Amino acid sequence: MQDDFQSILNRHRDAFDKTFTAAQIDLLTQIAREFNKCLKAGGKILFCGNGGSAADSQHIAAEFVGRFKINRRGLPAIALTTDTSIMTAVANDYDFDRIFSRQVEALGRAGDILIAISTSGSSPNVLAAVKQAREMGIRVIGFTGAKMGELSKISDLCFIAAHTETSHVQEMHMTALHAISEVVENTFFGA
């Protein structure tokens, strides 16, 4: 078992070292600036993803609405993964591929940001949300893995975790999203 643990942790370390390059840190800085610009203009951040990425969407939306480290007012963020009545109604009445795009249509406004998370970059419902957002003038920031898929091509900015193994891609996404949360909070509230 110890060898298994060492192998897992070595893959994590390798993914981290390959992902968080100087160019990726520049990209994270751009993303944080986009968040600040959106929030200062009265916009909101929408998040979507499936499975573990759905949980990540909820987690990071909570960091903005609640707080990350600073006691401050809440910032507008919505995880499109949390309302089971909407998701099941849309999936039943239309199609599962529309569970996020329908919410973007209803809740999004030009000037908002959609954070689209797909480890493969090919999740049909995430891609449909991105296309809806782009039609509405909503900035799209993708989070994907080394496979990239279509998401990397249709996002305004795209953070790519340098790994293909889903668990390690998700770990890199969470590290990046936590870092963005902290930087935005610090700069937005002048800490």
N, C-alpha and C. Protein backbone atom coordinates (compact mmCIF):
# COMPACT_ATOMS: atom_id res chain seq x y z
N MET A 1 0.80 -1.19 0.00
CA MET A 1 0.00 0.00 0.00
C MET A 1 0.85 1.27 0.00
N GLN A 2 1.93 1.24 0.69
CA GLN A 2 2.78 2.44 0.76
C GLN A 2 3.27 2.84 -0.63
N ASP A 3 3.61 1.84 -1.46
CA ASP A 3 4.02 2.14 -2.83
C ASP A 3 2.89 2.78 -3.64
N ASP A 4 1.66 2.29 -3.39
CA ASP A 4 0.50 2.88 -4.07
C ASP A 4 0.35 4.36 -3.70
N PHE A 5 0.45 4.64 -2.41
CA PHE A 5 0.33 6.02 -1.97
C PHE A 5 1.43 6.89 -2.57
N GLN A 6 2.63 6.37 -2.59
CA GLN A 6 3.74 7.13 -3.14
C GLN A 6 3.52 7.42 -4.62
N SER A 7 3.03 6.43 -5.35
CA SER A 7 2.75 6.60 -6.77
C SER A 7 1.68 7.67 -7.00
N ILE A 8 0.61 7.61 -6.22
CA ILE A 8 -0.47 8.60 -6.34
C ILE A 8 0.05 10.01 -6.06
N LEU A 9 0.80 10.14 -4.99
CA LEU A 9 1.33 11.47 -4.62
C LEU A 9 2.37 11.97 -5.63
N ASN A 10 3.13 11.05 -6.20
CA ASN A 10 4.09 11.45 -7.24
C ASN A 10 3.36 11.96 -8.48
N ARG A 11 2.25 11.32 -8.85
CA ARG A 11 1.46 11.80 -10.00
C ARG A 11 0.86 13.17 -9.70
N HIS A 12 0.41 13.37 -8.47
CA HIS A 12 -0.11 14.68 -8.07
C HIS A 12 0.98 15.75 -8.18
N ARG A 13 2.13 15.45 -7.65
CA ARG A 13 3.25 16.41 -7.68
C ARG A 13 3.65 16.72 -9.13
N ASP A 14 3.69 15.69 -9.96
CA ASP A 14 4.03 15.88 -11.37
C ASP A 14 2.99 16.76 -12.05
N ALA A 15 1.70 16.50 -11.78
CA ALA A 15 0.63 17.32 -12.36
C ALA A 15 0.76 18.76 -11.90
N PHE A 16 1.04 18.95 -10.63
CA PHE A 16 1.17 20.31 -10.08
C PHE A 16 2.34 21.04 -10.75
N ASP A 17 3.49 20.40 -10.80
CA ASP A 17 4.68 21.04 -11.38
C ASP A 17 4.49 21.38 -12.86
N LYS A 18 3.82 20.51 -13.60
CA LYS A 18 3.60 20.76 -15.03
C LYS A 18 2.48 21.77 -15.28
N THR A 19 1.55 21.87 -14.35
CA THR A 19 0.40 22.77 -14.52
C THR A 19 0.74 24.20 -14.15
N PHE A 20 1.35 24.40 -13.01
CA PHE A 20 1.52 25.76 -12.49
C PHE A 20 2.84 26.37 -12.94
N THR A 21 2.91 26.59 -14.25
CA THR A 21 4.06 27.24 -14.88
C THR A 21 3.87 28.75 -14.80
N ALA A 22 4.89 29.49 -15.18
CA ALA A 22 4.79 30.95 -15.20
C ALA A 22 3.66 31.41 -16.12
N ALA A 23 3.49 30.75 -17.25
CA ALA A 23 2.42 31.12 -18.18
C ALA A 23 1.05 30.88 -17.56
N GLN A 24 0.90 29.80 -16.82
CA GLN A 24 -0.39 29.51 -16.18
C GLN A 24 -0.66 30.49 -15.04
N ILE A 25 0.37 30.92 -14.35
CA ILE A 25 0.18 31.91 -13.29
C ILE A 25 -0.23 33.25 -13.91
N ASP A 26 0.32 33.58 -15.06
CA ASP A 26 -0.13 34.77 -15.79
C ASP A 26 -1.61 34.63 -16.15
N LEU A 27 -2.00 33.45 -16.59
CA LEU A 27 -3.40 33.21 -16.94
C LEU A 27 -4.29 33.35 -15.71
N LEU A 28 -3.88 32.80 -14.59
CA LEU A 28 -4.66 32.93 -13.35
C LEU A 28 -4.81 34.41 -12.97
N THR A 29 -3.77 35.19 -13.19
CA THR A 29 -3.84 36.64 -12.92
C THR A 29 -4.88 37.29 -13.82
N GLN A 30 -4.90 36.92 -15.10
CA GLN A 30 -5.92 37.44 -16.02
C GLN A 30 -7.31 37.05 -15.56
N ILE A 31 -7.48 35.81 -15.13
CA ILE A 31 -8.79 35.34 -14.67
C ILE A 31 -9.22 36.13 -13.44
N ALA A 32 -8.34 36.32 -12.49
CA ALA A 32 -8.67 37.10 -11.29
C ALA A 32 -9.08 38.52 -11.67
N ARG A 33 -8.39 39.12 -12.63
CA ARG A 33 -8.75 40.47 -13.09
C ARG A 33 -10.15 40.47 -13.71
N GLU A 34 -10.47 39.43 -14.48
CA GLU A 34 -11.80 39.32 -15.08
C GLU A 34 -12.88 39.23 -13.98
N PHE A 35 -12.61 38.44 -12.96
CA PHE A 35 -13.54 38.33 -11.83
C PHE A 35 -13.75 39.71 -11.20
N ASN A 36 -12.66 40.40 -10.89
CA ASN A 36 -12.77 41.71 -10.24
C ASN A 36 -13.55 42.69 -11.11
N LYS A 37 -13.26 42.71 -12.39
CA LYS A 37 -13.95 43.60 -13.32
C LYS A 37 -15.45 43.31 -13.33
N CYS A 38 -15.80 42.04 -13.44
CA CYS A 38 -17.20 41.62 -13.45
C CYS A 38 -17.91 42.02 -12.16
N LEU A 39 -17.30 41.69 -11.04
CA LEU A 39 -17.93 41.95 -9.74
C LEU A 39 -18.05 43.45 -9.47
N LYS A 40 -17.04 44.22 -9.82
CA LYS A 40 -17.11 45.68 -9.61
C LYS A 40 -18.19 46.32 -10.46
N ALA A 41 -18.49 45.72 -11.61
CA ALA A 41 -19.53 46.25 -12.50
C ALA A 41 -20.93 45.75 -12.12
N GLY A 42 -21.03 44.97 -11.04
CA GLY A 42 -22.33 44.47 -10.60
C GLY A 42 -22.72 43.14 -11.21
N GLY A 43 -21.78 42.46 -11.85
CA GLY A 43 -22.06 41.17 -12.45
C GLY A 43 -21.94 40.04 -11.45
N LYS A 44 -22.16 38.85 -11.94
CA LYS A 44 -22.06 37.67 -11.10
C LYS A 44 -21.28 36.57 -11.81
N ILE A 45 -20.85 35.60 -11.03
CA ILE A 45 -20.09 34.47 -11.54
C ILE A 45 -21.00 33.24 -11.49
N LEU A 46 -21.15 32.58 -12.64
CA LEU A 46 -21.92 31.35 -12.73
C LEU A 46 -20.94 30.19 -12.91
N PHE A 47 -21.22 29.07 -12.26
CA PHE A 47 -20.35 27.90 -12.32
C PHE A 47 -21.14 26.68 -12.79
N CYS A 48 -20.52 25.84 -13.62
CA CYS A 48 -21.16 24.57 -13.98
C CYS A 48 -20.12 23.50 -14.23
N GLY A 49 -20.53 22.27 -14.01
CA GLY A 49 -19.68 21.09 -14.23
C GLY A 49 -20.44 19.86 -13.79
N ASN A 50 -19.94 18.71 -14.11
CA ASN A 50 -20.58 17.43 -13.78
C ASN A 50 -19.75 16.65 -12.76
N GLY A 51 -20.42 15.85 -11.95
CA GLY A 51 -19.73 14.98 -11.01
C GLY A 51 -18.88 15.77 -10.03
N GLY A 52 -17.59 15.43 -9.96
CA GLY A 52 -16.68 16.16 -9.08
C GLY A 52 -16.59 17.63 -9.43
N SER A 53 -16.72 17.94 -10.70
CA SER A 53 -16.69 19.34 -11.13
C SER A 53 -17.96 20.08 -10.71
N ALA A 54 -19.07 19.36 -10.55
CA ALA A 54 -20.28 19.96 -9.99
C ALA A 54 -20.03 20.33 -8.53
N ALA A 55 -19.39 19.43 -7.81
CA ALA A 55 -19.05 19.71 -6.41
C ALA A 55 -18.08 20.88 -6.31
N ASP A 56 -17.11 20.94 -7.21
CA ASP A 56 -16.17 22.06 -7.23
C ASP A 56 -16.90 23.37 -7.51
N SER A 57 -17.90 23.33 -8.40
CA SER A 57 -18.69 24.52 -8.70
C SER A 57 -19.38 25.03 -7.44
N GLN A 58 -20.00 24.13 -6.70
CA GLN A 58 -20.68 24.50 -5.46
C GLN A 58 -19.69 25.04 -4.44
N HIS A 59 -18.58 24.37 -4.31
CA HIS A 59 -17.57 24.75 -3.34
C HIS A 59 -17.08 26.17 -3.58
N ILE A 60 -16.72 26.49 -4.83
CA ILE A 60 -16.15 27.80 -5.11
C ILE A 60 -17.22 28.89 -5.08
N ALA A 61 -18.44 28.59 -5.54
CA ALA A 61 -19.52 29.57 -5.41
C ALA A 61 -19.71 29.93 -3.93
N ALA A 62 -19.61 28.94 -3.06
CA ALA A 62 -19.75 29.19 -1.62
C ALA A 62 -18.63 30.07 -1.08
N GLU A 63 -17.43 29.94 -1.64
CA GLU A 63 -16.31 30.80 -1.20
C GLU A 63 -16.59 32.27 -1.51
N PHE A 64 -17.30 32.52 -2.61
CA PHE A 64 -17.62 33.90 -2.98
C PHE A 64 -18.83 34.44 -2.21
N VAL A 65 -19.87 33.64 -2.11
CA VAL A 65 -21.07 34.10 -1.40
C VAL A 65 -20.80 34.19 0.10
N GLY A 66 -20.12 33.20 0.63
CA GLY A 66 -19.78 33.20 2.06
C GLY A 66 -18.55 34.07 2.29
N ARG A 67 -17.42 33.42 2.32
CA ARG A 67 -16.13 34.11 2.41
C ARG A 67 -15.06 33.08 2.15
N PHE A 68 -13.88 33.58 1.81
CA PHE A 68 -12.74 32.69 1.71
C PHE A 68 -11.94 32.81 3.01
N LYS A 69 -11.30 33.96 3.23
CA LYS A 69 -10.57 34.18 4.47
C LYS A 69 -10.97 35.46 5.19
N ILE A 70 -11.50 36.43 4.45
CA ILE A 70 -11.81 37.75 5.01
C ILE A 70 -13.29 37.84 5.32
N ASN A 71 -13.62 38.36 6.50
CA ASN A 71 -15.01 38.67 6.80
C ASN A 71 -15.39 39.89 5.99
N ARG A 72 -16.28 39.72 5.05
CA ARG A 72 -16.66 40.78 4.12
C ARG A 72 -18.06 40.48 3.60
N ARG A 73 -18.60 41.42 2.80
CA ARG A 73 -19.92 41.18 2.24
C ARG A 73 -19.84 40.03 1.22
N GLY A 74 -20.96 39.41 0.99
CA GLY A 74 -21.02 38.33 0.02
C GLY A 74 -20.87 38.84 -1.40
N LEU A 75 -20.28 38.02 -2.23
CA LEU A 75 -20.12 38.34 -3.65
C LEU A 75 -21.03 37.42 -4.46
N PRO A 76 -21.66 37.94 -5.52
CA PRO A 76 -22.65 37.15 -6.25
C PRO A 76 -22.05 36.03 -7.10
N ALA A 77 -22.37 34.81 -6.72
CA ALA A 77 -21.91 33.62 -7.43
C ALA A 77 -23.00 32.56 -7.32
N ILE A 78 -23.22 31.83 -8.40
CA ILE A 78 -24.26 30.80 -8.43
C ILE A 78 -23.68 29.53 -9.04
N ALA A 79 -23.85 28.42 -8.33
CA ALA A 79 -23.52 27.11 -8.88
C ALA A 79 -24.77 26.59 -9.58
N LEU A 80 -24.69 26.38 -10.87
CA LEU A 80 -25.83 25.91 -11.65
C LEU A 80 -26.06 24.41 -11.46
N THR A 81 -25.36 23.84 -10.51
CA THR A 81 -25.39 22.40 -10.25
C THR A 81 -26.24 22.04 -9.04
N THR A 82 -26.90 23.01 -8.41
CA THR A 82 -27.48 22.76 -7.09
C THR A 82 -28.99 22.66 -7.05
N ASP A 83 -29.71 23.17 -8.02
CA ASP A 83 -31.16 23.17 -7.96
C ASP A 83 -31.70 21.92 -8.67
N THR A 84 -31.96 20.88 -7.88
CA THR A 84 -32.38 19.60 -8.49
C THR A 84 -33.73 19.71 -9.18
N SER A 85 -34.60 20.58 -8.71
CA SER A 85 -35.90 20.73 -9.37
C SER A 85 -35.72 21.29 -10.78
N ILE A 86 -34.89 22.32 -10.91
CA ILE A 86 -34.63 22.88 -12.24
C ILE A 86 -33.93 21.85 -13.12
N MET A 87 -32.88 21.24 -12.59
CA MET A 87 -32.09 20.30 -13.40
C MET A 87 -32.94 19.12 -13.88
N THR A 88 -33.77 18.56 -12.99
CA THR A 88 -34.57 17.41 -13.40
C THR A 88 -35.72 17.82 -14.32
N ALA A 89 -36.30 18.99 -14.09
CA ALA A 89 -37.37 19.46 -14.98
C ALA A 89 -36.83 19.71 -16.39
N VAL A 90 -35.69 20.38 -16.48
CA VAL A 90 -35.11 20.66 -17.79
C VAL A 90 -34.69 19.36 -18.47
N ALA A 91 -34.05 18.47 -17.73
CA ALA A 91 -33.62 17.19 -18.30
C ALA A 91 -34.83 16.39 -18.79
N ASN A 92 -35.92 16.41 -18.02
CA ASN A 92 -37.12 15.66 -18.38
C ASN A 92 -37.88 16.31 -19.53
N ASP A 93 -38.06 17.63 -19.46
CA ASP A 93 -38.88 18.33 -20.45
C ASP A 93 -38.14 18.62 -21.75
N TYR A 94 -36.84 18.77 -21.68
CA TYR A 94 -36.03 19.09 -22.87
C TYR A 94 -35.01 17.98 -23.11
N ASP A 95 -33.86 18.13 -22.42
CA ASP A 95 -32.76 17.18 -22.61
C ASP A 95 -31.72 17.46 -21.53
N PHE A 96 -31.02 16.42 -21.08
CA PHE A 96 -29.99 16.61 -20.06
C PHE A 96 -28.91 17.58 -20.53
N ASP A 97 -28.66 17.62 -21.82
CA ASP A 97 -27.63 18.52 -22.35
C ASP A 97 -27.99 19.99 -22.14
N ARG A 98 -29.23 20.29 -21.78
CA ARG A 98 -29.65 21.68 -21.62
C ARG A 98 -29.76 22.13 -20.16
N ILE A 99 -29.37 21.28 -19.20
CA ILE A 99 -29.58 21.63 -17.79
C ILE A 99 -28.83 22.89 -17.37
N PHE A 100 -27.69 23.16 -17.98
CA PHE A 100 -26.94 24.36 -17.63
C PHE A 100 -27.26 25.52 -18.57
N SER A 101 -27.42 25.24 -19.85
CA SER A 101 -27.67 26.33 -20.81
C SER A 101 -28.99 27.03 -20.52
N ARG A 102 -29.98 26.28 -20.08
CA ARG A 102 -31.28 26.89 -19.75
C ARG A 102 -31.13 27.84 -18.55
N GLN A 103 -30.32 27.44 -17.58
CA GLN A 103 -30.10 28.31 -16.42
C GLN A 103 -29.28 29.54 -16.80
N VAL A 104 -28.30 29.37 -17.68
CA VAL A 104 -27.54 30.53 -18.17
C VAL A 104 -28.50 31.50 -18.84
N GLU A 105 -29.39 30.96 -19.68
CA GLU A 105 -30.37 31.80 -20.38
C GLU A 105 -31.25 32.57 -19.38
N ALA A 106 -31.67 31.91 -18.32
CA ALA A 106 -32.58 32.51 -17.34
C ALA A 106 -31.89 33.45 -16.35
N LEU A 107 -30.69 33.10 -15.94
CA LEU A 107 -30.04 33.82 -14.84
C LEU A 107 -28.89 34.73 -15.27
N GLY A 108 -28.30 34.45 -16.43
CA GLY A 108 -27.13 35.19 -16.87
C GLY A 108 -27.48 36.50 -17.55
N ARG A 109 -26.53 37.42 -17.49
CA ARG A 109 -26.65 38.72 -18.15
C ARG A 109 -25.31 39.07 -18.77
N ALA A 110 -25.35 39.86 -19.84
CA ALA A 110 -24.10 40.34 -20.43
C ALA A 110 -23.26 40.97 -19.34
N GLY A 111 -21.98 40.67 -19.34
CA GLY A 111 -21.08 41.18 -18.31
C GLY A 111 -20.80 40.19 -17.20
N ASP A 112 -21.63 39.14 -17.09
CA ASP A 112 -21.37 38.07 -16.12
C ASP A 112 -20.23 37.20 -16.63
N ILE A 113 -19.81 36.26 -15.81
CA ILE A 113 -18.79 35.27 -16.18
C ILE A 113 -19.36 33.88 -15.94
N LEU A 114 -19.14 32.98 -16.89
CA LEU A 114 -19.45 31.57 -16.72
C LEU A 114 -18.14 30.82 -16.54
N ILE A 115 -18.03 30.11 -15.43
CA ILE A 115 -16.90 29.20 -15.22
C ILE A 115 -17.40 27.81 -15.63
N ALA A 116 -16.86 27.30 -16.72
CA ALA A 116 -17.27 26.02 -17.29
C ALA A 116 -16.18 25.00 -16.99
N ILE A 117 -16.52 24.00 -16.18
CA ILE A 117 -15.53 23.01 -15.74
C ILE A 117 -15.84 21.66 -16.38
N SER A 118 -14.87 21.12 -17.11
CA SER A 118 -15.01 19.80 -17.72
C SER A 118 -13.62 19.20 -17.83
N THR A 119 -13.36 18.14 -17.10
CA THR A 119 -12.01 17.56 -17.11
C THR A 119 -11.62 17.08 -18.50
N SER A 120 -12.60 16.63 -19.29
CA SER A 120 -12.32 16.18 -20.66
C SER A 120 -12.41 17.31 -21.66
N GLY A 121 -13.11 18.38 -21.29
CA GLY A 121 -13.35 19.48 -22.22
C GLY A 121 -14.42 19.15 -23.24
N SER A 122 -15.14 18.06 -23.03
CA SER A 122 -16.10 17.59 -24.04
C SER A 122 -17.50 17.31 -23.48
N SER A 123 -17.80 17.75 -22.28
CA SER A 123 -19.12 17.48 -21.68
C SER A 123 -20.20 18.24 -22.44
N PRO A 124 -21.15 17.54 -23.07
CA PRO A 124 -22.15 18.22 -23.90
C PRO A 124 -22.94 19.30 -23.18
N ASN A 125 -23.31 19.06 -21.93
CA ASN A 125 -24.11 20.08 -21.23
C ASN A 125 -23.29 21.30 -20.85
N VAL A 126 -22.01 21.12 -20.58
CA VAL A 126 -21.13 22.25 -20.30
C VAL A 126 -20.89 23.04 -21.58
N LEU A 127 -20.64 22.34 -22.68
CA LEU A 127 -20.43 23.03 -23.96
C LEU A 127 -21.68 23.80 -24.39
N ALA A 128 -22.86 23.24 -24.13
CA ALA A 128 -24.10 23.95 -24.46
C ALA A 128 -24.23 25.22 -23.62
N ALA A 129 -23.83 25.16 -22.37
CA ALA A 129 -23.86 26.36 -21.51
C ALA A 129 -22.91 27.42 -22.03
N VAL A 130 -21.74 26.99 -22.47
CA VAL A 130 -20.75 27.93 -23.02
C VAL A 130 -21.31 28.61 -24.26
N LYS A 131 -21.91 27.84 -25.14
CA LYS A 131 -22.47 28.43 -26.37
C LYS A 131 -23.59 29.42 -26.04
N GLN A 132 -24.43 29.09 -25.08
CA GLN A 132 -25.49 30.01 -24.65
C GLN A 132 -24.89 31.28 -24.07
N ALA A 133 -23.88 31.13 -23.23
CA ALA A 133 -23.24 32.28 -22.61
C ALA A 133 -22.64 33.21 -23.66
N ARG A 134 -21.97 32.64 -24.62
CA ARG A 134 -21.33 33.45 -25.67
C ARG A 134 -22.37 34.23 -26.47
N GLU A 135 -23.52 33.62 -26.74
CA GLU A 135 -24.59 34.31 -27.45
C GLU A 135 -25.11 35.52 -26.66
N MET A 136 -24.98 35.46 -25.34
CA MET A 136 -25.53 36.49 -24.46
C MET A 136 -24.51 37.54 -24.03
N GLY A 137 -23.28 37.43 -24.49
CA GLY A 137 -22.25 38.39 -24.09
C GLY A 137 -21.68 38.12 -22.71
N ILE A 138 -21.75 36.87 -22.29
CA ILE A 138 -21.19 36.44 -21.00
C ILE A 138 -19.80 35.89 -21.26
N ARG A 139 -18.81 36.38 -20.52
CA ARG A 139 -17.44 35.88 -20.66
C ARG A 139 -17.38 34.44 -20.19
N VAL A 140 -16.59 33.62 -20.88
CA VAL A 140 -16.48 32.20 -20.54
C VAL A 140 -15.04 31.89 -20.17
N ILE A 141 -14.89 31.31 -18.99
CA ILE A 141 -13.58 30.85 -18.54
C ILE A 141 -13.69 29.35 -18.33
N GLY A 142 -12.96 28.60 -19.14
CA GLY A 142 -12.99 27.15 -19.06
C GLY A 142 -11.93 26.61 -18.12
N PHE A 143 -12.22 25.47 -17.55
CA PHE A 143 -11.25 24.71 -16.75
C PHE A 143 -11.32 23.29 -17.27
N THR A 144 -10.20 22.79 -17.80
CA THR A 144 -10.19 21.46 -18.37
C THR A 144 -8.85 20.78 -18.09
N GLY A 145 -8.69 19.59 -18.66
CA GLY A 145 -7.45 18.84 -18.50
C GLY A 145 -6.67 18.79 -19.80
N ALA A 146 -5.65 17.97 -19.83
CA ALA A 146 -4.74 17.92 -20.98
C ALA A 146 -5.41 17.46 -22.26
N LYS A 147 -6.54 16.76 -22.16
CA LYS A 147 -7.27 16.37 -23.38
C LYS A 147 -7.91 17.58 -24.04
N MET A 148 -8.18 18.61 -23.28
CA MET A 148 -8.71 19.92 -23.67
C MET A 148 -10.08 19.88 -24.31
N GLY A 149 -10.30 19.09 -25.31
CA GLY A 149 -11.59 19.03 -25.97
C GLY A 149 -12.00 20.37 -26.56
N GLU A 150 -13.27 20.47 -26.91
CA GLU A 150 -13.78 21.70 -27.54
C GLU A 150 -13.78 22.88 -26.57
N LEU A 151 -13.89 22.60 -25.28
CA LEU A 151 -13.96 23.68 -24.29
C LEU A 151 -12.80 24.65 -24.42
N SER A 152 -11.60 24.13 -24.65
CA SER A 152 -10.43 25.00 -24.75
C SER A 152 -10.50 25.92 -25.96
N LYS A 153 -11.26 25.52 -26.98
CA LYS A 153 -11.36 26.30 -28.21
C LYS A 153 -12.43 27.38 -28.13
N ILE A 154 -13.48 27.16 -27.34
CA ILE A 154 -14.61 28.09 -27.35
C ILE A 154 -14.69 28.96 -26.09
N SER A 155 -13.72 28.83 -25.20
CA SER A 155 -13.66 29.69 -24.01
C SER A 155 -12.89 30.96 -24.33
N ASP A 156 -13.21 32.04 -23.63
CA ASP A 156 -12.42 33.27 -23.77
C ASP A 156 -11.04 33.08 -23.15
N LEU A 157 -11.01 32.44 -22.00
CA LEU A 157 -9.78 32.05 -21.33
C LEU A 157 -9.97 30.61 -20.88
N CYS A 158 -8.90 29.82 -20.87
CA CYS A 158 -9.04 28.43 -20.46
C CYS A 158 -7.83 27.98 -19.66
N PHE A 159 -8.09 27.55 -18.43
CA PHE A 159 -7.06 26.98 -17.56
C PHE A 159 -7.00 25.49 -17.85
N ILE A 160 -5.82 25.01 -18.20
CA ILE A 160 -5.65 23.61 -18.57
C ILE A 160 -4.73 22.92 -17.57
N ALA A 161 -5.27 21.96 -16.84
CA ALA A 161 -4.47 21.15 -15.94
C ALA A 161 -3.67 20.17 -16.79
N ALA A 162 -2.37 20.13 -16.57
CA ALA A 162 -1.47 19.33 -17.41
C ALA A 162 -1.46 17.86 -16.99
N HIS A 163 -2.64 17.24 -17.07
CA HIS A 163 -2.75 15.83 -16.74
C HIS A 163 -4.01 15.29 -17.41
N THR A 164 -4.08 13.98 -17.61
CA THR A 164 -5.27 13.38 -18.21
C THR A 164 -6.09 12.59 -17.19
N GLU A 165 -5.52 12.27 -16.05
CA GLU A 165 -6.22 11.50 -15.03
C GLU A 165 -7.19 12.42 -14.29
N THR A 166 -8.47 12.08 -14.32
CA THR A 166 -9.52 12.95 -13.81
C THR A 166 -9.24 13.46 -12.40
N SER A 167 -8.85 12.59 -11.50
CA SER A 167 -8.64 13.03 -10.11
C SER A 167 -7.56 14.11 -10.02
N HIS A 168 -6.50 13.96 -10.78
CA HIS A 168 -5.42 14.96 -10.72
C HIS A 168 -5.80 16.24 -11.44
N VAL A 169 -6.59 16.13 -12.49
CA VAL A 169 -7.11 17.34 -13.15
C VAL A 169 -7.97 18.12 -12.15
N GLN A 170 -8.85 17.41 -11.45
CA GLN A 170 -9.72 18.07 -10.47
C GLN A 170 -8.91 18.71 -9.33
N GLU A 171 -7.85 18.04 -8.91
CA GLU A 171 -6.99 18.62 -7.86
C GLU A 171 -6.36 19.92 -8.33
N MET A 172 -5.94 19.96 -9.58
CA MET A 172 -5.33 21.19 -10.12
C MET A 172 -6.38 22.29 -10.25
N HIS A 173 -7.58 21.92 -10.67
CA HIS A 173 -8.65 22.90 -10.76
C HIS A 173 -8.95 23.51 -9.40
N MET A 174 -9.04 22.67 -8.38
CA MET A 174 -9.36 23.19 -7.05
C MET A 174 -8.24 24.09 -6.53
N THR A 175 -7.00 23.71 -6.78
CA THR A 175 -5.88 24.57 -6.36
C THR A 175 -5.98 25.92 -7.05
N ALA A 176 -6.23 25.92 -8.36
CA ALA A 176 -6.34 27.17 -9.12
C ALA A 176 -7.53 27.99 -8.64
N LEU A 177 -8.68 27.35 -8.45
CA LEU A 177 -9.88 28.08 -8.04
C LEU A 177 -9.76 28.63 -6.63
N HIS A 178 -9.11 27.90 -5.74
CA HIS A 178 -8.86 28.44 -4.40
C HIS A 178 -7.93 29.65 -4.48
N ALA A 179 -6.90 29.56 -5.29
CA ALA A 179 -5.97 30.69 -5.44
C ALA A 179 -6.70 31.91 -6.01
N ILE A 180 -7.53 31.70 -7.01
CA ILE A 180 -8.31 32.80 -7.59
C ILE A 180 -9.22 33.41 -6.52
N SER A 181 -9.88 32.57 -5.74
CA SER A 181 -10.77 33.05 -4.68
C SER A 181 -10.03 33.95 -3.71
N GLU A 182 -8.85 33.53 -3.30
CA GLU A 182 -8.08 34.32 -2.34
C GLU A 182 -7.59 35.63 -2.95
N VAL A 183 -7.07 35.57 -4.16
CA VAL A 183 -6.55 36.78 -4.81
C VAL A 183 -7.68 37.77 -5.07
N VAL A 184 -8.82 37.29 -5.56
CA VAL A 184 -9.95 38.18 -5.82
C VAL A 184 -10.41 38.82 -4.52
N GLU A 185 -10.56 38.03 -3.49
CA GLU A 185 -10.98 38.56 -2.20
C GLU A 185 -10.01 39.63 -1.70
N ASN A 186 -8.73 39.34 -1.78
CA ASN A 186 -7.72 40.30 -1.32
C ASN A 186 -7.75 41.58 -2.11
N THR A 187 -7.80 41.47 -3.43
CA THR A 187 -7.75 42.70 -4.26
C THR A 187 -9.09 43.43 -4.24
N PHE A 188 -10.20 42.69 -4.23
CA PHE A 188 -11.52 43.32 -4.25
C PHE A 188 -11.78 44.09 -2.97
N PHE A 189 -11.30 43.57 -1.86
CA PHE A 189 -11.55 44.20 -0.56
C PHE A 189 -10.33 44.90 -0.01
N GLY A 190 -9.27 45.03 -0.84
CA GLY A 190 -8.10 45.82 -0.46
C GLY A 190 -7.29 45.28 0.68
N ALA A 191 -7.35 43.97 0.89
CA ALA A 191 -6.58 43.37 2.00
C ALA A 191 -5.14 43.14 1.57
